[in-house]
PDB file of N, CA and C in Angstrom:
ATOM      1  N   ASN A   1     -20.692  44.939 -26.457  1.00  0.00           N
ATOM      2  CA  ASN A   1     -21.642  44.856 -25.373  1.00  0.00           C
ATOM      3  C   ASN A   1     -22.464  46.124 -25.354  1.00  0.00           C
ATOM      4  N   ASN A   2     -23.732  46.022 -25.680  1.00  0.00           N
ATOM      5  CA  ASN A   2     -24.624  47.177 -25.706  1.00  0.00           C
ATOM      6  C   ASN A   2     -25.706  46.940 -24.667  1.00  0.00           C
ATOM      7  N   THR A   3     -25.476  47.396 -23.455  1.00  0.00           N
ATOM      8  CA  THR A   3     -26.384  47.074 -22.353  1.00  0.00           C
ATOM      9  C   THR A   3     -27.602  47.978 -22.299  1.00  0.00           C
ATOM     10  N   THR A   4     -27.649  49.039 -23.099  1.00  0.00           N
ATOM     11  CA  THR A   4     -28.784  49.964 -23.030  1.00  0.00           C
ATOM     12  C   THR A   4     -29.670  49.914 -24.268  1.00  0.00           C
ATOM     13  N   LYS A   5     -29.424  48.994 -25.167  1.00  0.00           N
ATOM     14  CA  LYS A   5     -30.133  48.984 -26.447  1.00  0.00           C
ATOM     15  C   LYS A   5     -31.650  48.963 -26.295  1.00  0.00           C
ATOM     16  N   ASN A   6     -32.187  48.183 -25.388  1.00  0.00           N
ATOM     17  CA  ASN A   6     -33.634  48.020 -25.294  1.00  0.00           C
ATOM     18  C   ASN A   6     -34.250  48.643 -24.049  1.00  0.00           C
ATOM     19  N   GLU A   7     -33.531  49.486 -23.379  1.00  0.00           N
ATOM     20  CA  GLU A   7     -34.091  50.127 -22.193  1.00  0.00           C
ATOM     21  C   GLU A   7     -35.148  51.146 -22.603  1.00  0.00           C
ATOM     22  N   PRO A   8     -36.291  51.169 -21.899  1.00  0.00           N
ATOM     23  CA  PRO A   8     -37.357  52.103 -22.251  1.00  0.00           C
ATOM     24  C   PRO A   8     -37.091  53.549 -21.817  1.00  0.00           C
ATOM     25  N   ASP A   9     -36.077  53.795 -21.020  1.00  0.00           N
ATOM     26  CA  ASP A   9     -35.742  55.144 -20.557  1.00  0.00           C
ATOM     27  C   ASP A   9     -35.242  55.980 -21.739  1.00  0.00           C
ATOM     28  N   MET A  10     -35.868  57.137 -21.993  1.00  0.00           N
ATOM     29  CA  MET A  10     -35.496  58.002 -23.119  1.00  0.00           C
ATOM     30  C   MET A  10     -34.035  58.449 -23.053  1.00  0.00           C
ATOM     31  N   ARG A  11     -33.470  58.528 -21.867  1.00  0.00           N
ATOM     32  CA  ARG A  11     -32.090  58.997 -21.730  1.00  0.00           C
ATOM     33  C   ARG A  11     -31.076  57.887 -21.965  1.00  0.00           C
ATOM     34  N   ARG A  12     -31.499  56.630 -21.867  1.00  0.00           N
ATOM     35  CA  ARG A  12     -30.543  55.523 -21.968  1.00  0.00           C
ATOM     36  C   ARG A  12     -30.825  54.567 -23.118  1.00  0.00           C
ATOM     37  N   GLY A  13     -32.076  54.424 -23.493  1.00  0.00           N
ATOM     38  CA  GLY A  13     -32.429  53.443 -24.514  1.00  0.00           C
ATOM     39  C   GLY A  13     -32.146  53.927 -25.925  1.00  0.00           C
ATOM     40  N   ARG A  14     -32.254  53.010 -26.856  1.00  0.00           N
ATOM     41  CA  ARG A  14     -32.058  53.340 -28.270  1.00  0.00           C
ATOM     42  C   ARG A  14     -33.348  53.920 -28.823  1.00  0.00           C
ATOM     43  N   ILE A  15     -33.243  55.023 -29.524  1.00  0.00           N
ATOM     44  CA  ILE A  15     -34.412  55.744 -30.015  1.00  0.00           C
ATOM     45  C   ILE A  15     -34.628  55.402 -31.496  1.00  0.00           C
ATOM     46  N   ALA A  16     -35.871  55.059 -31.843  1.00  0.00           N
ATOM     47  CA  ALA A  16     -36.211  54.744 -33.229  1.00  0.00           C
ATOM     48  C   ALA A  16     -36.297  56.038 -34.033  1.00  0.00           C
ATOM     49  N   TYR A  17     -35.671  56.056 -35.193  1.00  0.00           N
ATOM     50  CA  TYR A  17     -35.650  57.299 -35.963  1.00  0.00           C
ATOM     51  C   TYR A  17     -37.019  57.654 -36.536  1.00  0.00           C
ATOM     52  N   ARG A  18     -37.878  56.682 -36.755  1.00  0.00           N
ATOM     53  CA  ARG A  18     -39.199  56.970 -37.323  1.00  0.00           C
ATOM     54  C   ARG A  18     -40.168  57.545 -36.305  1.00  0.00           C
ATOM     55  N   THR A  19     -40.032  57.146 -35.048  1.00  0.00           N
ATOM     56  CA  THR A  19     -40.990  57.584 -34.026  1.00  0.00           C
ATOM     57  C   THR A  19     -40.389  58.507 -32.984  1.00  0.00           C
ATOM     58  N   ALA A  20     -39.073  58.585 -32.906  1.00  0.00           N
ATOM     59  CA  ALA A  20     -38.362  59.366 -31.877  1.00  0.00           C
ATOM     60  C   ALA A  20     -38.704  58.880 -30.474  1.00  0.00           C
ATOM     61  N   LYS A  21     -39.051  57.606 -30.351  1.00  0.00           N
ATOM     62  CA  LYS A  21     -39.370  57.002 -29.056  1.00  0.00           C
ATOM     63  C   LYS A  21     -38.503  55.762 -28.861  1.00  0.00           C
ATOM     64  N   PRO A  22     -38.358  55.350 -27.595  1.00  0.00           N
ATOM     65  CA  PRO A  22     -37.601  54.113 -27.356  1.00  0.00           C
ATOM     66  C   PRO A  22     -38.244  52.946 -28.102  1.00  0.00           C
ATOM     67  N   SER A  23     -37.426  52.046 -28.537  1.00  0.00           N
ATOM     68  CA  SER A  23     -37.914  50.898 -29.279  1.00  0.00           C
ATOM     69  C   SER A  23     -37.089  49.683 -28.899  1.00  0.00           C
ATOM     70  N   THR A  24     -37.570  48.519 -29.264  1.00  0.00           N
ATOM     71  CA  THR A  24     -36.803  47.304 -29.006  1.00  0.00           C
ATOM     72  C   THR A  24     -36.194  46.819 -30.313  1.00  0.00           C
ATOM     73  N   PHE A  25     -34.994  46.309 -30.209  1.00  0.00           N
ATOM     74  CA  PHE A  25     -34.247  45.822 -31.354  1.00  0.00           C
ATOM     75  C   PHE A  25     -33.624  44.488 -30.979  1.00  0.00           C
ATOM     76  N   PRO A  26     -33.424  43.613 -31.947  1.00  0.00           N
ATOM     77  CA  PRO A  26     -32.711  42.374 -31.640  1.00  0.00           C
ATOM     78  C   PRO A  26     -31.330  42.673 -31.068  1.00  0.00           C
ATOM     79  N   GLU A  27     -30.827  41.753 -30.284  1.00  0.00           N
ATOM     80  CA  GLU A  27     -29.474  41.911 -29.754  1.00  0.00           C
ATOM     81  C   GLU A  27     -28.457  41.940 -30.893  1.00  0.00           C
ATOM     82  N   LEU A  28     -28.744  41.199 -31.953  1.00  0.00           N
ATOM     83  CA  LEU A  28     -27.871  41.173 -33.125  1.00  0.00           C
ATOM     84  C   LEU A  28     -28.758  40.979 -34.343  1.00  0.00           C
ATOM     85  N   TYR A  29     -28.597  41.833 -35.347  1.00  0.00           N
ATOM     86  CA  TYR A  29     -29.394  41.665 -36.558  1.00  0.00           C
ATOM     87  C   TYR A  29     -28.541  41.919 -37.792  1.00  0.00           C
ATOM     88  N   PHE A  30     -28.886  41.201 -38.839  1.00  0.00           N
ATOM     89  CA  PHE A  30     -28.229  41.358 -40.129  1.00  0.00           C
ATOM     90  C   PHE A  30     -29.293  41.871 -41.078  1.00  0.00           C
ATOM     91  N   THR A  31     -29.028  43.012 -41.693  1.00  0.00           N
ATOM     92  CA  THR A  31     -30.039  43.681 -42.497  1.00  0.00           C
ATOM     93  C   THR A  31     -29.445  44.144 -43.818  1.00  0.00           C
ATOM     94  N   ILE A  32     -30.321  44.472 -44.747  1.00  0.00           N
ATOM     95  CA  ILE A  32     -29.924  45.055 -46.026  1.00  0.00           C
ATOM     96  C   ILE A  32     -30.780  46.295 -46.229  1.00  0.00           C
ATOM     97  N   TYR A  33     -30.341  47.183 -47.082  1.00  0.00           N
ATOM     98  CA  TYR A  33     -31.068  48.432 -47.282  1.00  0.00           C
ATOM     99  C   TYR A  33     -31.727  48.528 -48.644  1.00  0.00           C
ATOM    100  N   GLU A  34     -31.536  47.536 -49.477  1.00  0.00           N
ATOM    101  CA  GLU A  34     -32.199  47.465 -50.771  1.00  0.00           C
ATOM    102  C   GLU A  34     -32.830  46.083 -50.889  1.00  0.00           C
ATOM    103  N   PRO A  35     -34.057  46.011 -51.372  1.00  0.00           N
ATOM    104  CA  PRO A  35     -34.782  44.733 -51.364  1.00  0.00           C
ATOM    105  C   PRO A  35     -34.066  43.566 -52.033  1.00  0.00           C
ATOM    106  N   ASP A  36     -33.280  43.793 -53.067  1.00  0.00           N
ATOM    107  CA  ASP A  36     -32.632  42.690 -53.778  1.00  0.00           C
ATOM    108  C   ASP A  36     -31.169  42.503 -53.404  1.00  0.00           C
ATOM    109  N   ALA A  37     -30.698  43.198 -52.399  1.00  0.00           N
ATOM    110  CA  ALA A  37     -29.295  43.086 -51.983  1.00  0.00           C
ATOM    111  C   ALA A  37     -29.039  41.724 -51.341  1.00  0.00           C
ATOM    112  N   THR A  38     -27.761  41.354 -51.263  1.00  0.00           N
ATOM    113  CA  THR A  38     -27.362  40.119 -50.592  1.00  0.00           C
ATOM    114  C   THR A  38     -26.267  40.432 -49.583  1.00  0.00           C
ATOM    115  N   TYR A  39     -26.030  39.505 -48.689  1.00  0.00           N
ATOM    116  CA  TYR A  39     -24.946  39.654 -47.725  1.00  0.00           C
ATOM    117  C   TYR A  39     -24.414  38.278 -47.356  1.00  0.00           C
ATOM    118  N   GLY A  40     -23.214  38.243 -46.858  1.00  0.00           N
ATOM    119  CA  GLY A  40     -22.562  37.016 -46.448  1.00  0.00           C
ATOM    120  C   GLY A  40     -21.175  36.971 -47.047  1.00  0.00           C
ATOM    121  N   PRO A  41     -20.321  36.133 -46.580  1.00  0.00           N
ATOM    122  CA  PRO A  41     -20.538  35.191 -45.479  1.00  0.00           C
ATOM    123  C   PRO A  41     -20.532  35.882 -44.114  1.00  0.00           C
ATOM    124  N   ILE A  42     -21.163  35.218 -43.142  1.00  0.00           N
ATOM    125  CA  ILE A  42     -21.234  35.676 -41.756  1.00  0.00           C
ATOM    126  C   ILE A  42     -20.762  34.527 -40.870  1.00  0.00           C
ATOM    127  N   ILE A  43     -19.887  34.819 -39.923  1.00  0.00           N
ATOM    128  CA  ILE A  43     -19.470  33.825 -38.929  1.00  0.00           C
ATOM    129  C   ILE A  43     -19.596  34.455 -37.551  1.00  0.00           C
ATOM    130  N   VAL A  44     -20.476  33.894 -36.730  1.00  0.00           N
ATOM    131  CA  VAL A  44     -20.629  34.308 -35.330  1.00  0.00           C
ATOM    132  C   VAL A  44     -20.667  33.022 -34.521  1.00  0.00           C
ATOM    133  N   ARG A  45     -19.646  32.810 -33.697  1.00  0.00           N
ATOM    134  CA  ARG A  45     -19.647  31.570 -32.921  1.00  0.00           C
ATOM    135  C   ARG A  45     -18.969  31.772 -31.575  1.00  0.00           C
ATOM    136  N   ASP A  46     -19.442  30.947 -30.631  1.00  0.00           N
ATOM    137  CA  ASP A  46     -18.850  30.867 -29.290  1.00  0.00           C
ATOM    138  C   ASP A  46     -18.909  32.185 -28.522  1.00  0.00           C
ATOM    139  N   ASN A  47     -20.037  32.895 -28.634  1.00  0.00           N
ATOM    140  CA  ASN A  47     -20.253  34.130 -27.885  1.00  0.00           C
ATOM    141  C   ASN A  47     -21.240  33.893 -26.757  1.00  0.00           C
ATOM    142  N   ILE A  48     -21.216  34.772 -25.771  1.00  0.00           N
ATOM    143  CA  ILE A  48     -22.197  34.756 -24.688  1.00  0.00           C
ATOM    144  C   ILE A  48     -23.008  36.036 -24.790  1.00  0.00           C
ATOM    145  N   PHE A  49     -24.322  35.898 -24.938  1.00  0.00           N
ATOM    146  CA  PHE A  49     -25.241  37.029 -24.982  1.00  0.00           C
ATOM    147  C   PHE A  49     -26.006  37.051 -23.666  1.00  0.00           C
ATOM    148  N   ILE A  50     -25.878  38.113 -22.904  1.00  0.00           N
ATOM    149  CA  ILE A  50     -26.661  38.279 -21.682  1.00  0.00           C
ATOM    150  C   ILE A  50     -27.822  39.183 -22.063  1.00  0.00           C
ATOM    151  N   VAL A  51     -28.984  38.582 -22.221  1.00  0.00           N
ATOM    152  CA  VAL A  51     -30.146  39.259 -22.775  1.00  0.00           C
ATOM    153  C   VAL A  51     -30.836  40.075 -21.692  1.00  0.00           C
ATOM    154  N   GLY A  52     -31.049  41.355 -21.965  1.00  0.00           N
ATOM    155  CA  GLY A  52     -31.699  42.245 -21.010  1.00  0.00           C
ATOM    156  C   GLY A  52     -33.182  41.966 -20.875  1.00  0.00           C
ATOM    157  N   ASP A  53     -33.760  42.406 -19.769  1.00  0.00           N
ATOM    158  CA  ASP A  53     -35.180  42.178 -19.499  1.00  0.00           C
ATOM    159  C   ASP A  53     -36.085  42.786 -20.564  1.00  0.00           C
ATOM    160  N   SER A  54     -35.701  43.907 -21.142  1.00  0.00           N
ATOM    161  CA  SER A  54     -36.535  44.585 -22.135  1.00  0.00           C
ATOM    162  C   SER A  54     -36.270  44.123 -23.562  1.00  0.00           C
ATOM    163  N   ALA A  55     -35.332  43.232 -23.749  1.00  0.00           N
ATOM    164  CA  ALA A  55     -35.015  42.748 -25.100  1.00  0.00           C
ATOM    165  C   ALA A  55     -36.173  41.920 -25.649  1.00  0.00           C
ATOM    166  N   PRO A  56     -36.419  42.000 -26.958  1.00  0.00           N
ATOM    167  CA  PRO A  56     -37.496  41.200 -27.548  1.00  0.00           C
ATOM    168  C   PRO A  56     -37.136  39.719 -27.572  1.00  0.00           C
ATOM    169  N   GLU A  57     -38.150  38.886 -27.724  1.00  0.00           N
ATOM    170  CA  GLU A  57     -37.905  37.441 -27.798  1.00  0.00           C
ATOM    171  C   GLU A  57     -37.034  37.095 -29.004  1.00  0.00           C
ATOM    172  N   GLU A  58     -37.239  37.808 -30.126  1.00  0.00           N
ATOM    173  CA  GLU A  58     -36.438  37.569 -31.329  1.00  0.00           C
ATOM    174  C   GLU A  58     -35.093  38.277 -31.164  1.00  0.00           C
ATOM    175  N   ALA A  59     -34.139  37.578 -30.576  1.00  0.00           N
ATOM    176  CA  ALA A  59     -32.862  38.185 -30.193  1.00  0.00           C
ATOM    177  C   ALA A  59     -31.888  38.326 -31.351  1.00  0.00           C
ATOM    178  N   VAL A  60     -31.990  37.461 -32.351  1.00  0.00           N
ATOM    179  CA  VAL A  60     -31.104  37.521 -33.517  1.00  0.00           C
ATOM    180  C   VAL A  60     -31.973  37.351 -34.755  1.00  0.00           C
ATOM    181  N   THR A  61     -31.762  38.212 -35.755  1.00  0.00           N
ATOM    182  CA  THR A  61     -32.541  38.113 -36.987  1.00  0.00           C
ATOM    183  C   THR A  61     -31.630  38.212 -38.204  1.00  0.00           C
ATOM    184  N   PHE A  62     -31.945  37.395 -39.195  1.00  0.00           N
ATOM    185  CA  PHE A  62     -31.220  37.393 -40.462  1.00  0.00           C
ATOM    186  C   PHE A  62     -32.179  37.833 -41.562  1.00  0.00           C
ATOM    187  N   ALA A  63     -31.881  38.956 -42.211  1.00  0.00           N
ATOM    188  CA  ALA A  63     -32.699  39.493 -43.295  1.00  0.00           C
ATOM    189  C   ALA A  63     -32.665  38.568 -44.508  1.00  0.00           C
ATOM    190  N   PRO A  64     -33.526  38.825 -45.486  1.00  0.00           N
ATOM    191  CA  PRO A  64     -33.531  38.009 -46.704  1.00  0.00           C
ATOM    192  C   PRO A  64     -32.195  38.045 -47.444  1.00  0.00           C
ATOM    193  N   ASN A  65     -31.980  37.020 -48.249  1.00  0.00           N
ATOM    194  CA  ASN A  65     -30.876  36.940 -49.211  1.00  0.00           C
ATOM    195  C   ASN A  65     -29.491  36.793 -48.599  1.00  0.00           C
ATOM    196  N   GLY A  66     -29.418  36.303 -47.378  1.00  0.00           N
ATOM    197  CA  GLY A  66     -28.115  36.004 -46.797  1.00  0.00           C
ATOM    198  C   GLY A  66     -27.580  34.696 -47.352  1.00  0.00           C
ATOM    199  N   HIS A  67     -26.266  34.560 -47.355  1.00  0.00           N
ATOM    200  CA  HIS A  67     -25.665  33.305 -47.815  1.00  0.00           C
ATOM    201  C   HIS A  67     -24.432  32.995 -46.981  1.00  0.00           C
ATOM    202  N   ASP A  68     -24.163  31.719 -46.841  1.00  0.00           N
ATOM    203  CA  ASP A  68     -22.998  31.241 -46.087  1.00  0.00           C
ATOM    204  C   ASP A  68     -22.993  31.801 -44.663  1.00  0.00           C
ATOM    205  N   LEU A  69     -24.053  31.503 -43.935  1.00  0.00           N
ATOM    206  CA  LEU A  69     -24.242  32.015 -42.576  1.00  0.00           C
ATOM    207  C   LEU A  69     -23.874  30.936 -41.565  1.00  0.00           C
ATOM    208  N   GLN A  70     -22.961  31.238 -40.667  1.00  0.00           N
ATOM    209  CA  GLN A  70     -22.613  30.335 -39.569  1.00  0.00           C
ATOM    210  C   GLN A  70     -22.887  31.065 -38.260  1.00  0.00           C
ATOM    211  N   PHE A  71     -23.815  30.553 -37.499  1.00  0.00           N
ATOM    212  CA  PHE A  71     -24.148  31.111 -36.186  1.00  0.00           C
ATOM    213  C   PHE A  71     -24.249  29.912 -35.253  1.00  0.00           C
ATOM    214  N   THR A  72     -23.131  29.546 -34.632  1.00  0.00           N
ATOM    215  CA  THR A  72     -23.065  28.288 -33.890  1.00  0.00           C
ATOM    216  C   THR A  72     -22.354  28.447 -32.556  1.00  0.00           C
ATOM    217  N   GLY A  73     -22.759  27.607 -31.613  1.00  0.00           N
ATOM    218  CA  GLY A  73     -22.066  27.515 -30.334  1.00  0.00           C
ATOM    219  C   GLY A  73     -22.213  28.716 -29.430  1.00  0.00           C
ATOM    220  N   ASN A  74     -23.204  29.549 -29.671  1.00  0.00           N
ATOM    221  CA  ASN A  74     -23.420  30.733 -28.842  1.00  0.00           C
ATOM    222  C   ASN A  74     -24.310  30.388 -27.657  1.00  0.00           C
ATOM    223  N   THR A  75     -24.226  31.184 -26.609  1.00  0.00           N
ATOM    224  CA  THR A  75     -25.019  30.966 -25.402  1.00  0.00           C
ATOM    225  C   THR A  75     -25.822  32.225 -25.102  1.00  0.00           C
ATOM    226  N   PHE A  76     -27.114  32.038 -24.818  1.00  0.00           N
ATOM    227  CA  PHE A  76     -27.996  33.146 -24.446  1.00  0.00           C
ATOM    228  C   PHE A  76     -28.409  32.959 -22.996  1.00  0.00           C
ATOM    229  N   GLN A  77     -28.148  33.962 -22.184  1.00  0.00           N
ATOM    230  CA  GLN A  77     -28.449  33.890 -20.756  1.00  0.00           C
ATOM    231  C   GLN A  77     -29.510  34.913 -20.389  1.00  0.00           C
ATOM    232  N   ASN A  78     -30.195  34.677 -19.305  1.00  0.00           N
ATOM    233  CA  ASN A  78     -31.182  35.549 -18.667  1.00  0.00           C
ATOM    234  C   ASN A  78     -32.609  35.210 -19.060  1.00  0.00           C
ATOM    235  N   LYS A  79     -32.855  34.852 -20.322  1.00  0.00           N
ATOM    236  CA  LYS A  79     -34.192  34.413 -20.728  1.00  0.00           C
ATOM    237  C   LYS A  79     -34.088  33.701 -22.073  1.00  0.00           C
ATOM    238  N   PRO A  80     -35.044  32.819 -22.373  1.00  0.00           N
ATOM    239  CA  PRO A  80     -35.004  32.114 -23.655  1.00  0.00           C
ATOM    240  C   PRO A  80     -35.281  33.079 -24.811  1.00  0.00           C
ATOM    241  N   VAL A  81     -34.657  32.831 -25.950  1.00  0.00           N
ATOM    242  CA  VAL A  81     -34.799  33.715 -27.103  1.00  0.00           C
ATOM    243  C   VAL A  81     -35.028  32.900 -28.372  1.00  0.00           C
ATOM    244  N   THR A  82     -35.327  33.628 -29.439  1.00  0.00           N
ATOM    245  CA  THR A  82     -35.532  33.030 -30.751  1.00  0.00           C
ATOM    246  C   THR A  82     -34.548  33.647 -31.742  1.00  0.00           C
ATOM    247  N   ILE A  83     -34.003  32.818 -32.607  1.00  0.00           N
ATOM    248  CA  ILE A  83     -33.176  33.261 -33.729  1.00  0.00           C
ATOM    249  C   ILE A  83     -34.044  33.104 -34.970  1.00  0.00           C
ATOM    250  N   VAL A  84     -34.260  34.191 -35.710  1.00  0.00           N
ATOM    251  CA  VAL A  84     -35.138  34.166 -36.874  1.00  0.00           C
ATOM    252  C   VAL A  84     -34.299  34.261 -38.145  1.00  0.00           C
ATOM    253  N   VAL A  85     -34.493  33.289 -39.029  1.00  0.00           N
ATOM    254  CA  VAL A  85     -33.768  33.243 -40.297  1.00  0.00           C
ATOM    255  C   VAL A  85     -34.785  33.332 -41.428  1.00  0.00           C
ATOM    256  N   ASP A  86     -34.623  34.318 -42.303  1.00  0.00           N
ATOM    257  CA  ASP A  86     -35.515  34.437 -43.454  1.00  0.00           C
ATOM    258  C   ASP A  86     -35.345  33.209 -44.353  1.00  0.00           C
ATOM    259  N   PRO A  87     -36.455  32.676 -44.887  1.00  0.00           N
ATOM    260  CA  PRO A  87     -36.383  31.459 -45.705  1.00  0.00           C
ATOM    261  C   PRO A  87     -35.550  31.591 -46.982  1.00  0.00           C
ATOM    262  N   THR A  88     -35.274  32.808 -47.428  1.00  0.00           N
ATOM    263  CA  THR A  88     -34.471  32.975 -48.643  1.00  0.00           C
ATOM    264  C   THR A  88     -32.974  32.825 -48.387  1.00  0.00           C
ATOM    265  N   CYS A  89     -32.566  32.772 -47.131  1.00  0.00           N
ATOM    266  CA  CYS A  89     -31.140  32.614 -46.812  1.00  0.00           C
ATOM    267  C   CYS A  89     -30.666  31.230 -47.257  1.00  0.00           C
ATOM    268  N   LYS A  90     -29.467  31.182 -47.801  1.00  0.00           N
ATOM    269  CA  LYS A  90     -28.916  29.928 -48.331  1.00  0.00           C
ATOM    270  C   LYS A  90     -27.654  29.533 -47.578  1.00  0.00           C
ATOM    271  N   ASN A  91     -27.467  28.228 -47.442  1.00  0.00           N
ATOM    272  CA  ASN A  91     -26.298  27.672 -46.771  1.00  0.00           C
ATOM    273  C   ASN A  91     -26.161  28.254 -45.360  1.00  0.00           C
ATOM    274  N   ALA A  92     -27.251  28.199 -44.608  1.00  0.00           N
ATOM    275  CA  ALA A  92     -27.270  28.733 -43.242  1.00  0.00           C
ATOM    276  C   ALA A  92     -27.070  27.597 -42.238  1.00  0.00           C
ATOM    277  N   GLN A  93     -26.037  27.699 -41.463  1.00  0.00           N
ATOM    278  CA  GLN A  93     -25.758  26.741 -40.389  1.00  0.00           C
ATOM    279  C   GLN A  93     -26.015  27.473 -39.075  1.00  0.00           C
ATOM    280  N   ILE A  94     -27.215  27.317 -38.545  1.00  0.00           N
ATOM    281  CA  ILE A  94     -27.633  27.973 -37.308  1.00  0.00           C
ATOM    282  C   ILE A  94     -27.953  26.845 -36.332  1.00  0.00           C
ATOM    283  N   GLU A  95     -27.023  26.544 -35.415  1.00  0.00           N
ATOM    284  CA  GLU A  95     -27.219  25.374 -34.555  1.00  0.00           C
ATOM    285  C   GLU A  95     -26.379  25.469 -33.290  1.00  0.00           C
ATOM    286  N   ASN A  96     -26.761  24.620 -32.332  1.00  0.00           N
ATOM    287  CA  ASN A  96     -26.038  24.498 -31.056  1.00  0.00           C
ATOM    288  C   ASN A  96     -25.906  25.826 -30.318  1.00  0.00           C
ATOM    289  N   ASN A  97     -26.991  26.595 -30.291  1.00  0.00           N
ATOM    290  CA  ASN A  97     -27.025  27.866 -29.579  1.00  0.00           C
ATOM    291  C   ASN A  97     -27.860  27.679 -28.315  1.00  0.00           C
ATOM    292  N   VAL A  98     -27.185  27.549 -27.183  1.00  0.00           N
ATOM    293  CA  VAL A  98     -27.828  27.259 -25.901  1.00  0.00           C
ATOM    294  C   VAL A  98     -28.726  28.428 -25.498  1.00  0.00           C
ATOM    295  N   GLY A  99     -29.969  28.109 -25.101  1.00  0.00           N
ATOM    296  CA  GLY A  99     -30.912  29.132 -24.663  1.00  0.00           C
ATOM    297  C   GLY A  99     -31.697  29.764 -25.793  1.00  0.00           C
ATOM    298  N   ALA A 100     -31.531  29.239 -27.017  1.00  0.00           N
ATOM    299  CA  ALA A 100     -32.223  29.813 -28.179  1.00  0.00           C
ATOM    300  C   ALA A 100     -32.844  28.716 -29.026  1.00  0.00           C
ATOM    301  N   LYS A 101     -33.976  29.047 -29.628  1.00  0.00           N
ATOM    302  CA  LYS A 101     -34.564  28.183 -30.644  1.00  0.00           C
ATOM    303  C   LYS A 101     -34.487  28.943 -31.966  1.00  0.00           C
ATOM    304  N   THR A 102     -34.404  28.202 -33.050  1.00  0.00           N
ATOM    305  CA  THR A 102     -34.295  28.806 -34.376  1.00  0.00           C
ATOM    306  C   THR A 102     -35.587  28.582 -35.136  1.00  0.00           C
ATOM    307  N   VAL A 103     -36.083  29.645 -35.789  1.00  0.00           N
ATOM    308  CA  VAL A 103     -37.275  29.542 -36.626  1.00  0.00           C
ATOM    309  C   VAL A 103     -36.970  30.153 -37.991  1.00  0.00           C
ATOM    310  N   ASN A 104     -37.607  29.607 -39.002  1.00  0.00           N
ATOM    311  CA  ASN A 104     -37.532  30.165 -40.352  1.00  0.00           C
ATOM    312  C   ASN A 104     -38.846  30.856 -40.638  1.00  0.00           C
ATOM    313  N   LYS A 105     -38.779  32.166 -40.869  1.00  0.00           N
ATOM    314  CA  LYS A 105     -39.965  32.932 -41.238  1.00  0.00           C
ATOM    315  C   LYS A 105     -39.504  34.227 -41.895  1.00  0.00           C
ATOM    316  N   PRO A 106     -40.376  34.860 -42.675  1.00  0.00           N
ATOM    317  CA  PRO A 106     -39.973  36.083 -43.366  1.00  0.00           C
ATOM    318  C   PRO A 106     -39.539  37.186 -42.394  1.00  0.00           C
ATOM    319  N   VAL A 107     -38.477  37.884 -42.796  1.00  0.00           N
ATOM    320  CA  VAL A 107     -37.956  39.029 -42.056  1.00  0.00           C
ATOM    321  C   VAL A 107     -37.953  40.205 -43.027  1.00  0.00           C
ATOM    322  N   ASP A 108     -38.451  41.368 -42.608  1.00  0.00           N
ATOM    323  CA  ASP A 108     -38.454  42.558 -43.459  1.00  0.00           C
ATOM    324  C   ASP A 108     -37.016  42.912 -43.840  1.00  0.00           C
ATOM    325  N   PHE A 109     -36.781  43.246 -45.095  1.00  0.00           N
ATOM    326  CA  PHE A 109     -35.404  43.457 -45.555  1.00  0.00           C
ATOM    327  C   PHE A 109     -34.688  44.579 -44.814  1.00  0.00           C
ATOM    328  N   ASN A 110     -35.388  45.609 -44.366  1.00  0.00           N
ATOM    329  CA  ASN A 110     -34.714  46.712 -43.669  1.00  0.00           C
ATOM    330  C   ASN A 110     -35.112  46.781 -42.198  1.00  0.00           C
ATOM    331  N   HIS A 111     -35.327  45.632 -41.589  1.00  0.00           N
ATOM    332  CA  HIS A 111     -35.815  45.583 -40.214  1.00  0.00           C
ATOM    333  C   HIS A 111     -34.897  46.259 -39.206  1.00  0.00           C
ATOM    334  N   GLY A 112     -33.644  46.418 -39.490  1.00  0.00           N
ATOM    335  CA  GLY A 112     -32.734  47.066 -38.556  1.00  0.00           C
ATOM    336  C   GLY A 112     -32.872  48.569 -38.512  1.00  0.00           C
ATOM    337  N   ARG A 113     -33.645  49.149 -39.416  1.00  0.00           N
ATOM    338  CA  ARG A 113     -33.792  50.604 -39.495  1.00  0.00           C
ATOM    339  C   ARG A 113     -35.045  51.104 -38.795  1.00  0.00           C
ATOM    340  N   ARG A 114     -35.710  50.291 -38.063  1.00  0.00           N
ATOM    341  CA  ARG A 114     -36.991  50.641 -37.451  1.00  0.00           C
ATOM    342  C   ARG A 114     -36.990  52.054 -36.979  1.00  0.00           C
TER     343      ARG A 114
END
C-alpha cells in the first residue's frame, strides 16, 4: 500500500529522478531496463486498489516483451482507470478487473524510471 506515490506535495510525493519534482506513476507497473529484455510470468489477482485522486488514469502498465501475464479479478475503487498492455506482450490474460478498462498500446520500455 503506497498511499503517497502520486501526491504533489514535495515532502510526501514520489520525486522523479530526472526532474527532481513530484511526478505521477501508475499504481502498479512492470518495466524493463534494456530494450530487448523480457519478463514473466506475472500473476496478480484478487486485489483491491484504492486509487488516489492524483493518480494517473493509466493505473497499471505492462512494458514490452512480457509473457505469461495474468492480471485478473482485481478491483479499482475511487475512480475509473485504464490498464495498458504493450502489444508485444504474449499470452496476456487481463480480464475481469472491476473499475478498469484494458487497452493495448505501446508502452516505453523503461517507463517506470521516469
